[in-house]
Protein backbone atom coordinates (compact mmCIF):
# COMPACT_ATOMS: atom_id res chain seq x y z
CA MET A 1 40.86 14.06 -4.44
CA GLU A 2 37.42 15.29 -5.50
CA ILE A 3 36.64 16.81 -8.90
CA SER A 4 33.52 17.60 -10.89
CA VAL A 5 32.97 15.75 -14.15
CA SER A 6 30.37 17.03 -16.59
CA SER A 7 30.62 14.66 -19.56
CA ALA A 8 31.41 11.08 -20.54
CA LYS A 9 34.40 12.38 -22.51
CA GLN A 10 35.84 14.03 -19.38
CA LEU A 11 35.22 10.85 -17.40
CA GLY A 12 37.04 8.82 -20.05
CA LYS A 13 40.06 11.13 -19.86
CA LEU A 14 40.00 10.95 -16.06
CA ILE A 15 39.88 7.16 -16.12
CA SER A 16 42.80 7.13 -18.56
CA ALA A 17 44.88 9.43 -16.34
CA VAL A 18 44.15 7.40 -13.19
CA ARG A 19 44.92 4.14 -14.98
CA LYS A 20 48.24 5.46 -16.28
CA SER A 21 49.17 6.86 -12.84
CA GLN A 22 48.74 3.32 -11.47
CA GLY A 23 51.02 1.88 -14.15
CA LEU A 24 48.22 -0.16 -15.72
CA ASP A 25 47.63 -0.71 -19.43
CA GLN A 26 44.22 -0.88 -21.06
CA LYS A 27 44.37 -4.66 -21.44
CA THR A 28 45.05 -5.21 -17.73
CA ILE A 29 42.37 -2.84 -16.48
CA GLY A 30 39.98 -4.36 -19.01
CA GLU A 31 40.64 -7.80 -17.56
CA PHE A 32 40.23 -6.52 -13.98
CA SER A 33 36.91 -4.86 -14.83
CA GLY A 34 35.46 -7.36 -17.30
CA ASN A 35 35.82 -5.03 -20.28
CA SER A 36 37.73 -5.57 -23.50
CA ILE A 37 40.83 -3.54 -24.37
CA ASN A 38 38.88 -1.97 -27.26
CA THR A 39 36.01 -0.98 -24.96
CA VAL A 40 38.38 0.63 -22.46
CA GLY A 41 40.35 2.39 -25.20
CA ASP A 42 37.25 3.72 -26.95
CA PHE A 43 35.76 5.00 -23.69
CA GLU A 44 39.01 6.71 -22.70
CA LYS A 45 39.13 8.45 -26.09
CA GLY A 46 35.53 9.55 -25.80
CA SER A 47 34.44 7.58 -28.86
CA GLY A 48 32.80 4.66 -27.06
CA SER A 49 30.22 4.05 -24.42
CA LEU A 50 29.82 1.67 -21.50
CA SER A 51 26.76 0.37 -19.73
CA VAL A 52 26.41 1.82 -16.26
CA ASN A 53 27.31 -1.54 -14.71
CA ARG A 54 30.49 -1.85 -16.78
CA LEU A 55 31.42 1.75 -15.99
CA PHE A 56 31.08 1.09 -12.26
CA ASP A 57 33.17 -2.09 -12.63
CA LEU A 58 35.88 -0.11 -14.42
CA MET A 59 35.84 2.68 -11.83
CA GLU A 60 35.93 0.19 -8.95
CA SER A 61 38.95 -1.52 -10.52
CA LEU A 62 40.77 1.82 -10.44
CA GLY A 63 39.56 2.88 -6.98
CA ILE A 64 37.38 5.67 -8.36
CA GLU A 65 34.25 6.42 -6.34
CA MET A 66 31.31 8.39 -7.70
CA LYS A 67 29.50 10.95 -5.56
CA ILE A 68 26.25 12.60 -6.57
CA ASP A 69 25.46 16.20 -5.68
CA PHE A 70 21.94 17.51 -6.16
CA ALA A 71 19.74 20.33 -4.95
CA LEU A 72 16.98 19.78 -2.43
CA PRO A 73 13.57 21.21 -3.29
CA PRO A 74 13.76 24.88 -2.29
CA SER A 75 11.51 26.24 0.46
CA ASP A 76 9.51 23.02 0.82
CA THR A 77 10.61 21.24 3.98
CA SER A 78 8.05 18.47 3.50
CA ALA A 79 9.42 17.66 0.04
CA GLN A 80 12.99 17.89 1.36
CA LYS A 81 12.28 15.44 4.18
CA LYS A 82 10.51 13.04 1.80
CA LEU A 83 13.43 13.10 -0.66
CA ILE A 84 16.03 12.64 2.10
CA LYS A 85 14.07 9.70 3.54
CA CYS A 86 13.82 8.09 0.09
CA ILE A 87 17.55 8.53 -0.55
CA ASN A 88 18.48 7.09 2.84
CA GLU A 89 16.32 4.05 2.14
CA ILE A 90 18.01 3.53 -1.24
CA VAL A 91 21.53 3.89 0.16
CA ASP A 92 20.87 1.77 3.26
CA HIS A 93 19.31 -1.11 1.33
CA GLU A 94 21.72 -1.48 -1.58
């Protein structure tokens, strides 16, 4: 299922819903992802923050994949090609 998320608070609520749907408690998912129960709980409530690396670890533990959607430079095919080439290099080499 694909949805759009526009804030950290929304992402926290989404993570909470997915975790609960999998029958996992905050302690367990914290252990799976290398986060503490307090860190997971605070993030799910929207009152805490995670480093990007810890967020990706948490999402991976729940099977959540992030996709990025962005606009290409309008009416400039040279800039579009340059951006697409740069993105392909990033994705192919990571």
